[in-house]
Amino acid sequence: MKRLFFLFAALVSMSALWADSATEMWLGYCDNQVAKSGNGDFAADQTDAWVSEAIYLPAEKLAPFVGNQITAIRAGVGGTVNVDSLVAWVRTDLNGENLAFTGISKSTTPKFSKGWNTVPLAEPIDITSDLPGLYLGYSCHQSQKALCLSIITAADLDTNENGLWVKLGDEDWSDRHDEGTASVEAVITGDNLPQCNLSLTALNIPAGQLTISRGVMQLTASVKKPRCRHCHWL
């Protein structure tokens, strides 16, 4: 067991090699991916309607960022045809009130566009030790059927149980995480951001090795480092 502890200590030490003085990080599940086009399976046929997608960040996932703020939402948009505006928001309940929100359109600054939209929140959210889990998402207003929502399919990215909620027009919110991941990320800003941005993705321990008290134990581990040093993917 001591050698297993030393392995984890070594991984922590190695992660310090990627220490960064950044004052901003992105927190989400989509691996910084945005769909090149919308998906007809995530669209509403209605006119004058809103379509929405969201992710959930449990309190324990926000805990490493205590002392910082959520200052913006990164909303990935698959298409803008028949869509005139977007509202990015943060809630404690999908059907609850907005804790913070900001709307943008094709005439605002920032301007609503296909791809990533970084939408500053009108009121930043302080990340405190008693902050509950948060839903983060965006809603697009369509004049008629549109392919607005950016969904990274399960074929392109491993799914996460907190990675995709969808509301299409008059329908209720539905958990569709087994089908893909929403292109939604929290922009976290502050002076107390984690200095390491690695995650242990796999650890292969040969059967029976945890019972040894002496000798050498061989383990195989995989560590993930985001392509973007400012991202923190779950």
C-alpha atoms as a PDB file:
ATOM      1  CA  MET A   1       0.000   0.000   0.000  1.00  0.00           C
ATOM      2  CA  LYS A   2       2.906   2.348   0.697  1.00  0.00           C
ATOM      3  CA  ARG A   3       4.104   2.019  -2.879  1.00  0.00           C
ATOM      4  CA  LEU A   4       0.626   2.854  -4.122  1.00  0.00           C
ATOM      5  CA  PHE A   5       0.694   5.990  -1.988  1.00  0.00           C
ATOM      6  CA  PHE A   6       4.086   6.933  -3.395  1.00  0.00           C
ATOM      7  CA  LEU A   7       2.734   6.499  -6.917  1.00  0.00           C
ATOM      8  CA  PHE A   8      -0.061   8.978  -6.257  1.00  0.00           C
ATOM      9  CA  ALA A   9       2.456  11.346  -4.664  1.00  0.00           C
ATOM     10  CA  ALA A  10       4.584  11.101  -7.786  1.00  0.00           C
ATOM     11  CA  LEU A  11       1.610  11.897 -10.000  1.00  0.00           C
ATOM     12  CA  VAL A  12       0.841  14.961  -7.890  1.00  0.00           C
ATOM     13  CA  SER A  13       4.455  16.075  -8.150  1.00  0.00           C
ATOM     14  CA  MET A  14       4.432  15.557 -11.899  1.00  0.00           C
ATOM     15  CA  SER A  15       1.310  17.657 -12.244  1.00  0.00           C
ATOM     16  CA  ALA A  16       3.246  20.610 -10.828  1.00  0.00           C
ATOM     17  CA  LEU A  17       5.186  20.673 -14.085  1.00  0.00           C
ATOM     18  CA  TRP A  18       2.078  22.169 -15.649  1.00  0.00           C
ATOM     19  CA  ALA A  19       1.590  24.834 -12.981  1.00  0.00           C
ATOM     20  CA  ASP A  20       0.051  27.930 -14.496  1.00  0.00           C
ATOM     21  CA  SER A  21      -0.457  31.475 -13.297  1.00  0.00           C
ATOM     22  CA  ALA A  22      -3.658  31.879 -15.310  1.00  0.00           C
ATOM     23  CA  THR A  23      -6.443  33.927 -13.756  1.00  0.00           C
ATOM     24  CA  GLU A  24      -9.167  32.198 -15.799  1.00  0.00           C
ATOM     25  CA  MET A  25     -10.230  28.599 -16.297  1.00  0.00           C
ATOM     26  CA  TRP A  26     -13.067  26.893 -18.137  1.00  0.00           C
ATOM     27  CA  LEU A  27     -15.013  24.194 -16.318  1.00  0.00           C
ATOM     28  CA  GLY A  28     -17.226  21.740 -18.159  1.00  0.00           C
ATOM     29  CA  TYR A  29     -17.594  18.295 -19.701  1.00  0.00           C
ATOM     30  CA  CYS A  30     -17.315  18.926 -23.450  1.00  0.00           C
ATOM     31  CA  ASP A  31     -13.521  18.806 -23.779  1.00  0.00           C
ATOM     32  CA  ASN A  32     -13.643  22.322 -25.296  1.00  0.00           C
ATOM     33  CA  GLN A  33     -15.519  20.963 -28.306  1.00  0.00           C
ATOM     34  CA  VAL A  34     -18.316  22.649 -30.231  1.00  0.00           C
ATOM     35  CA  ALA A  35     -20.365  20.945 -32.947  1.00  0.00           C
ATOM     36  CA  LYS A  36     -19.808  22.110 -36.505  1.00  0.00           C
ATOM     37  CA  SER A  37     -23.560  21.981 -37.082  1.00  0.00           C
ATOM     38  CA  GLY A  38     -26.791  21.468 -35.168  1.00  0.00           C
ATOM     39  CA  ASN A  39     -28.460  18.105 -34.676  1.00  0.00           C
ATOM     40  CA  GLY A  40     -32.029  17.431 -35.805  1.00  0.00           C
ATOM     41  CA  ASP A  41     -32.526  15.070 -32.860  1.00  0.00           C
ATOM     42  CA  PHE A  42     -32.209  18.076 -30.553  1.00  0.00           C
ATOM     43  CA  ALA A  43     -34.577  20.500 -32.269  1.00  0.00           C
ATOM     44  CA  ALA A  44     -38.149  21.731 -31.842  1.00  0.00           C
ATOM     45  CA  ASP A  45     -40.593  22.127 -34.738  1.00  0.00           C
ATOM     46  CA  GLN A  46     -42.351  25.060 -33.063  1.00  0.00           C
ATOM     47  CA  THR A  47     -42.286  28.720 -34.066  1.00  0.00           C
ATOM     48  CA  ASP A  48     -41.591  31.523 -31.607  1.00  0.00           C
ATOM     49  CA  ALA A  49     -40.057  29.063 -29.142  1.00  0.00           C
ATOM     50  CA  TRP A  50     -37.040  28.588 -26.888  1.00  0.00           C
ATOM     51  CA  VAL A  51     -34.678  25.605 -26.992  1.00  0.00           C
ATOM     52  CA  SER A  52     -32.169  25.035 -24.206  1.00  0.00           C
ATOM     53  CA  GLU A  53     -29.279  22.864 -23.116  1.00  0.00           C
ATOM     54  CA  ALA A  54     -27.494  22.660 -19.775  1.00  0.00           C
ATOM     55  CA  ILE A  55     -24.918  20.859 -17.665  1.00  0.00           C
ATOM     56  CA  TYR A  56     -24.790  20.300 -13.903  1.00  0.00           C
ATOM     57  CA  LEU A  57     -21.764  21.041 -11.713  1.00  0.00           C
ATOM     58  CA  PRO A  58     -22.160  19.332  -8.307  1.00  0.00           C
ATOM     59  CA  ALA A  59     -20.907  21.161  -5.235  1.00  0.00           C
ATOM     60  CA  GLU A  60     -17.913  18.836  -4.934  1.00  0.00           C
ATOM     61  CA  LYS A  61     -16.801  19.754  -8.459  1.00  0.00           C
ATOM     62  CA  LEU A  62     -16.940  23.441  -7.579  1.00  0.00           C
ATOM     63  CA  ALA A  63     -15.100  22.981  -4.264  1.00  0.00           C
ATOM     64  CA  PRO A  64     -11.554  23.281  -5.733  1.00  0.00           C
ATOM     65  CA  PHE A  65     -12.499  26.760  -6.982  1.00  0.00           C
ATOM     66  CA  VAL A  66     -13.697  28.267  -3.681  1.00  0.00           C
ATOM     67  CA  GLY A  67     -12.570  31.886  -3.454  1.00  0.00           C
ATOM     68  CA  ASN A  68     -13.072  32.559  -7.156  1.00  0.00           C
ATOM     69  CA  GLN A  69     -16.062  33.629  -9.258  1.00  0.00           C
ATOM     70  CA  ILE A  70     -18.073  32.325 -12.191  1.00  0.00           C
ATOM     71  CA  THR A  71     -17.963  35.398 -14.391  1.00  0.00           C
ATOM     72  CA  ALA A  72     -19.228  34.122 -17.742  1.00  0.00           C
ATOM     73  CA  ILE A  73     -20.735  31.174 -19.592  1.00  0.00           C
ATOM     74  CA  ARG A  74     -19.179  29.723 -22.730  1.00  0.00           C
ATOM     75  CA  ALA A  75     -22.070  28.648 -24.946  1.00  0.00           C
ATOM     76  CA  GLY A  76     -21.293  26.556 -27.999  1.00  0.00           C
ATOM     77  CA  VAL A  77     -23.810  27.103 -30.807  1.00  0.00           C
ATOM     78  CA  GLY A  78     -24.267  24.692 -33.699  1.00  0.00           C
ATOM     79  CA  GLY A  79     -26.139  27.089 -35.994  1.00  0.00           C
ATOM     80  CA  THR A  80     -27.828  30.501 -36.062  1.00  0.00           C
ATOM     81  CA  VAL A  81     -30.324  30.172 -38.919  1.00  0.00           C
ATOM     82  CA  ASN A  82     -33.831  31.097 -37.658  1.00  0.00           C
ATOM     83  CA  VAL A  83     -32.345  32.090 -34.279  1.00  0.00           C
ATOM     84  CA  ASP A  84     -32.266  35.733 -33.167  1.00  0.00           C
ATOM     85  CA  SER A  85     -30.912  35.658 -29.613  1.00  0.00           C
ATOM     86  CA  LEU A  86     -29.339  33.631 -26.843  1.00  0.00           C
ATOM     87  CA  VAL A  87     -29.587  33.843 -23.045  1.00  0.00           C
ATOM     88  CA  ALA A  88     -26.874  32.264 -20.903  1.00  0.00           C
ATOM     89  CA  TRP A  89     -27.861  31.488 -17.324  1.00  0.00           C
ATOM     90  CA  VAL A  90     -27.010  29.827 -13.995  1.00  0.00           C
ATOM     91  CA  ARG A  91     -29.608  28.115 -11.742  1.00  0.00           C
ATOM     92  CA  THR A  92     -29.799  25.777  -8.774  1.00  0.00           C
ATOM     93  CA  ASP A  93     -32.811  24.062 -10.351  1.00  0.00           C
ATOM     94  CA  LEU A  94     -33.566  23.606 -14.045  1.00  0.00           C
ATOM     95  CA  ASN A  95     -37.052  25.012 -13.559  1.00  0.00           C
ATOM     96  CA  GLY A  96     -36.014  27.581 -10.968  1.00  0.00           C
ATOM     97  CA  GLU A  97     -35.115  31.245 -11.111  1.00  0.00           C
ATOM     98  CA  ASN A  98     -31.896  32.462 -12.668  1.00  0.00           C
ATOM     99  CA  LEU A  99     -29.133  33.243 -10.187  1.00  0.00           C
ATOM    100  CA  ALA A 100     -27.468  35.170 -12.979  1.00  0.00           C
ATOM    101  CA  PHE A 101     -28.064  35.581 -16.702  1.00  0.00           C
ATOM    102  CA  THR A 102     -27.168  37.660 -19.741  1.00  0.00           C
ATOM    103  CA  GLY A 103     -28.789  37.857 -23.152  1.00  0.00           C
ATOM    104  CA  ILE A 104     -27.031  38.513 -26.453  1.00  0.00           C
ATOM    105  CA  SER A 105     -28.231  38.920 -30.046  1.00  0.00           C
ATOM    106  CA  LYS A 106     -26.762  39.440 -33.485  1.00  0.00           C
ATOM    107  CA  SER A 107     -26.512  43.179 -32.805  1.00  0.00           C
ATOM    108  CA  THR A 108     -24.999  43.179 -29.309  1.00  0.00           C
ATOM    109  CA  THR A 109     -21.414  43.127 -28.088  1.00  0.00           C
ATOM    110  CA  PRO A 110     -20.526  40.325 -27.716  1.00  0.00           C
ATOM    111  CA  LYS A 111     -22.483  39.260 -30.769  1.00  0.00           C
ATOM    112  CA  PHE A 112     -24.448  36.022 -30.977  1.00  0.00           C
ATOM    113  CA  SER A 113     -22.726  33.778 -33.503  1.00  0.00           C
ATOM    114  CA  LYS A 114     -22.091  30.203 -34.521  1.00  0.00           C
ATOM    115  CA  GLY A 115     -19.388  28.449 -32.507  1.00  0.00           C
ATOM    116  CA  TRP A 116     -18.246  29.564 -29.080  1.00  0.00           C
ATOM    117  CA  ASN A 117     -19.998  32.536 -27.472  1.00  0.00           C
ATOM    118  CA  THR A 118     -18.445  33.824 -24.245  1.00  0.00           C
ATOM    119  CA  VAL A 119     -21.296  35.546 -22.419  1.00  0.00           C
ATOM    120  CA  PRO A 120     -20.313  37.640 -19.352  1.00  0.00           C
ATOM    121  CA  LEU A 121     -22.779  37.281 -16.493  1.00  0.00           C
ATOM    122  CA  ALA A 122     -24.414  40.509 -15.372  1.00  0.00           C
ATOM    123  CA  GLU A 123     -23.776  39.414 -11.777  1.00  0.00           C
ATOM    124  CA  PRO A 124     -20.750  37.156 -11.167  1.00  0.00           C
ATOM    125  CA  ILE A 125     -21.363  34.235  -8.816  1.00  0.00           C
ATOM    126  CA  ASP A 126     -19.031  33.849  -5.843  1.00  0.00           C
ATOM    127  CA  ILE A 127     -17.864  30.278  -5.366  1.00  0.00           C
ATOM    128  CA  THR A 128     -18.131  29.691  -1.633  1.00  0.00           C
ATOM    129  CA  SER A 129     -17.800  26.581   0.522  1.00  0.00           C
ATOM    130  CA  ASP A 130     -21.581  26.427   0.969  1.00  0.00           C
ATOM    131  CA  LEU A 131     -22.484  26.995  -2.684  1.00  0.00           C
ATOM    132  CA  PRO A 132     -24.863  24.237  -3.866  1.00  0.00           C
ATOM    133  CA  GLY A 133     -24.558  22.438  -7.159  1.00  0.00           C
ATOM    134  CA  LEU A 134     -25.317  24.603 -10.188  1.00  0.00           C
ATOM    135  CA  TYR A 135     -26.975  24.132 -13.548  1.00  0.00           C
ATOM    136  CA  LEU A 136     -25.334  26.169 -16.293  1.00  0.00           C
ATOM    137  CA  GLY A 137     -26.864  26.509 -19.709  1.00  0.00           C
ATOM    138  CA  TYR A 138     -28.193  28.639 -22.490  1.00  0.00           C
ATOM    139  CA  SER A 139     -31.488  29.141 -24.288  1.00  0.00           C
ATOM    140  CA  CYS A 140     -31.907  30.146 -27.932  1.00  0.00           C
ATOM    141  CA  HIS A 141     -35.026  31.859 -29.282  1.00  0.00           C
ATOM    142  CA  GLN A 142     -36.098  30.566 -32.678  1.00  0.00           C
ATOM    143  CA  SER A 143     -38.596  32.058 -35.134  1.00  0.00           C
ATOM    144  CA  GLN A 144     -39.100  28.596 -36.641  1.00  0.00           C
ATOM    145  CA  LYS A 145     -37.362  25.228 -36.445  1.00  0.00           C
ATOM    146  CA  ALA A 146     -33.635  25.741 -35.924  1.00  0.00           C
ATOM    147  CA  LEU A 147     -30.537  23.633 -35.326  1.00  0.00           C
ATOM    148  CA  CYS A 148     -29.015  25.789 -32.629  1.00  0.00           C
ATOM    149  CA  LEU A 149     -27.892  23.478 -29.842  1.00  0.00           C
ATOM    150  CA  SER A 150     -24.347  22.147 -29.955  1.00  0.00           C
ATOM    151  CA  ILE A 151     -24.248  18.521 -28.804  1.00  0.00           C
ATOM    152  CA  ILE A 152     -21.023  16.503 -28.883  1.00  0.00           C
ATOM    153  CA  THR A 153     -22.247  13.003 -29.660  1.00  0.00           C
ATOM    154  CA  ALA A 154     -21.393   9.939 -27.611  1.00  0.00           C
ATOM    155  CA  ALA A 155     -19.409   8.637 -30.583  1.00  0.00           C
ATOM    156  CA  ASP A 156     -17.042  11.623 -30.331  1.00  0.00           C
ATOM    157  CA  LEU A 157     -16.734  12.032 -26.556  1.00  0.00           C
ATOM    158  CA  ASP A 158     -17.322   9.868 -23.491  1.00  0.00           C
ATOM    159  CA  THR A 159     -20.575  10.863 -21.824  1.00  0.00           C
ATOM    160  CA  ASN A 160     -21.047  12.111 -18.261  1.00  0.00           C
ATOM    161  CA  GLU A 161     -24.185  11.757 -16.156  1.00  0.00           C
ATOM    162  CA  ASN A 162     -24.152  15.534 -15.574  1.00  0.00           C
ATOM    163  CA  GLY A 163     -23.306  16.433 -19.143  1.00  0.00           C
ATOM    164  CA  LEU A 164     -26.588  17.060 -20.978  1.00  0.00           C
ATOM    165  CA  TRP A 165     -30.072  18.280 -20.150  1.00  0.00           C
ATOM    166  CA  VAL A 166     -32.282  19.521 -22.984  1.00  0.00           C
ATOM    167  CA  LYS A 167     -35.563  21.447 -23.174  1.00  0.00           C
ATOM    168  CA  LEU A 168     -37.143  21.757 -26.614  1.00  0.00           C
ATOM    169  CA  GLY A 169     -39.959  24.256 -26.860  1.00  0.00           C
ATOM    170  CA  ASP A 170     -42.951  23.274 -24.745  1.00  0.00           C
ATOM    171  CA  GLU A 171     -41.412  19.956 -23.707  1.00  0.00           C
ATOM    172  CA  ASP A 172     -40.177  19.369 -20.170  1.00  0.00           C
ATOM    173  CA  TRP A 173     -36.477  19.178 -19.376  1.00  0.00           C
ATOM    174  CA  SER A 174     -35.039  15.764 -20.230  1.00  0.00           C
ATOM    175  CA  ASP A 175     -31.795  14.098 -19.193  1.00  0.00           C
ATOM    176  CA  ARG A 176     -30.162  12.918 -22.418  1.00  0.00           C
ATOM    177  CA  HIS A 177     -26.579  12.508 -21.253  1.00  0.00           C
ATOM    178  CA  ASP A 178     -26.377   9.029 -22.773  1.00  0.00           C
ATOM    179  CA  GLU A 179     -26.702  10.656 -26.219  1.00  0.00           C
ATOM    180  CA  GLY A 180     -24.003  13.298 -25.912  1.00  0.00           C
ATOM    181  CA  THR A 181     -22.547  16.283 -24.093  1.00  0.00           C
ATOM    182  CA  ALA A 182     -23.585  19.938 -24.107  1.00  0.00           C
ATOM    183  CA  SER A 183     -21.089  22.522 -25.305  1.00  0.00           C
ATOM    184  CA  VAL A 184     -21.381  24.567 -22.133  1.00  0.00           C
ATOM    185  CA  GLU A 185     -18.571  25.697 -19.840  1.00  0.00           C
ATOM    186  CA  ALA A 186     -18.277  27.947 -16.813  1.00  0.00           C
ATOM    187  CA  VAL A 187     -15.654  30.687 -17.007  1.00  0.00           C
ATOM    188  CA  ILE A 188     -14.048  30.849 -13.568  1.00  0.00           C
ATOM    189  CA  THR A 189     -11.949  33.883 -12.736  1.00  0.00           C
ATOM    190  CA  GLY A 190      -9.874  34.754  -9.693  1.00  0.00           C
ATOM    191  CA  ASP A 191      -6.532  34.657  -7.901  1.00  0.00           C
ATOM    192  CA  ASN A 192      -7.094  31.304  -6.177  1.00  0.00           C
ATOM    193  CA  LEU A 193      -7.351  28.988  -9.154  1.00  0.00           C
ATOM    194  CA  PRO A 194      -5.879  25.461  -8.949  1.00  0.00           C
ATOM    195  CA  GLN A 195      -2.280  25.499 -10.131  1.00  0.00           C
ATOM    196  CA  CYS A 196      -2.440  21.989 -11.574  1.00  0.00           C
ATOM    197  CA  ASN A 197      -4.668  20.929 -14.414  1.00  0.00           C
ATOM    198  CA  LEU A 198      -4.174  17.182 -14.801  1.00  0.00           C
ATOM    199  CA  SER A 199      -6.497  14.302 -14.127  1.00  0.00           C
ATOM    200  CA  LEU A 200      -5.816  10.608 -13.565  1.00  0.00           C
ATOM    201  CA  THR A 201      -7.923   8.842 -16.187  1.00  0.00           C
ATOM    202  CA  ALA A 202      -6.893   5.207 -15.682  1.00  0.00           C
ATOM    203  CA  LEU A 203      -4.972   3.070 -13.181  1.00  0.00           C
ATOM    204  CA  ASN A 204      -4.340  -0.606 -13.880  1.00  0.00           C
ATOM    205  CA  ILE A 205      -3.373  -2.625 -10.778  1.00  0.00           C
ATOM    206  CA  PRO A 206      -2.544  -6.329 -11.327  1.00  0.00           C
ATOM    207  CA  ALA A 207      -4.759  -8.688  -9.353  1.00  0.00           C
ATOM    208  CA  GLY A 208      -3.522  -9.340  -5.822  1.00  0.00           C
ATOM    209  CA  GLN A 209      -0.884  -6.610  -5.868  1.00  0.00           C
ATOM    210  CA  LEU A 210      -2.531  -4.488  -3.188  1.00  0.00           C
ATOM    211  CA  THR A 211      -1.785  -7.164  -0.573  1.00  0.00           C
ATOM    212  CA  ILE A 212       2.004  -7.030  -0.866  1.00  0.00           C
ATOM    213  CA  SER A 213       4.020  -5.497   1.958  1.00  0.00           C
ATOM    214  CA  ARG A 214       7.508  -5.688   0.420  1.00  0.00           C
ATOM    215  CA  GLY A 215       9.026  -5.770  -2.999  1.00  0.00           C
ATOM    216  CA  VAL A 216       8.197  -4.009  -6.265  1.00  0.00           C
ATOM    217  CA  MET A 217       4.750  -3.513  -7.717  1.00  0.00           C
ATOM    218  CA  GLN A 218       4.233  -2.469 -11.337  1.00  0.00           C
ATOM    219  CA  LEU A 219       1.263  -0.229 -12.146  1.00  0.00           C
ATOM    220  CA  THR A 220       0.076   1.384 -15.353  1.00  0.00           C
ATOM    221  CA  ALA A 221      -1.464   4.845 -15.133  1.00  0.00           C
ATOM    222  CA  SER A 222      -2.807   7.345 -17.659  1.00  0.00           C
ATOM    223  CA  VAL A 223      -2.861  11.074 -16.989  1.00  0.00           C
ATOM    224  CA  LYS A 224      -4.862  13.558 -19.059  1.00  0.00           C
ATOM    225  CA  LYS A 225      -3.713  17.103 -19.757  1.00  0.00           C
ATOM    226  CA  PRO A 226      -6.190  19.347 -21.647  1.00  0.00           C
ATOM    227  CA  ARG A 227      -5.089  20.730 -24.994  1.00  0.00           C
ATOM    228  CA  CYS A 228      -5.868  24.181 -23.640  1.00  0.00           C
ATOM    229  CA  ARG A 229      -3.954  25.017 -20.457  1.00  0.00           C
ATOM    230  CA  HIS A 230      -6.824  27.216 -19.260  1.00  0.00           C
ATOM    231  CA  CYS A 231      -9.392  24.391 -19.340  1.00  0.00           C
ATOM    232  CA  HIS A 232     -10.437  22.118 -16.494  1.00  0.00           C
ATOM    233  CA  TRP A 233     -12.542  19.299 -17.863  1.00  0.00           C
ATOM    234  CA  LEU A 234     -14.390  16.912 -15.613  1.00  0.00           C
END
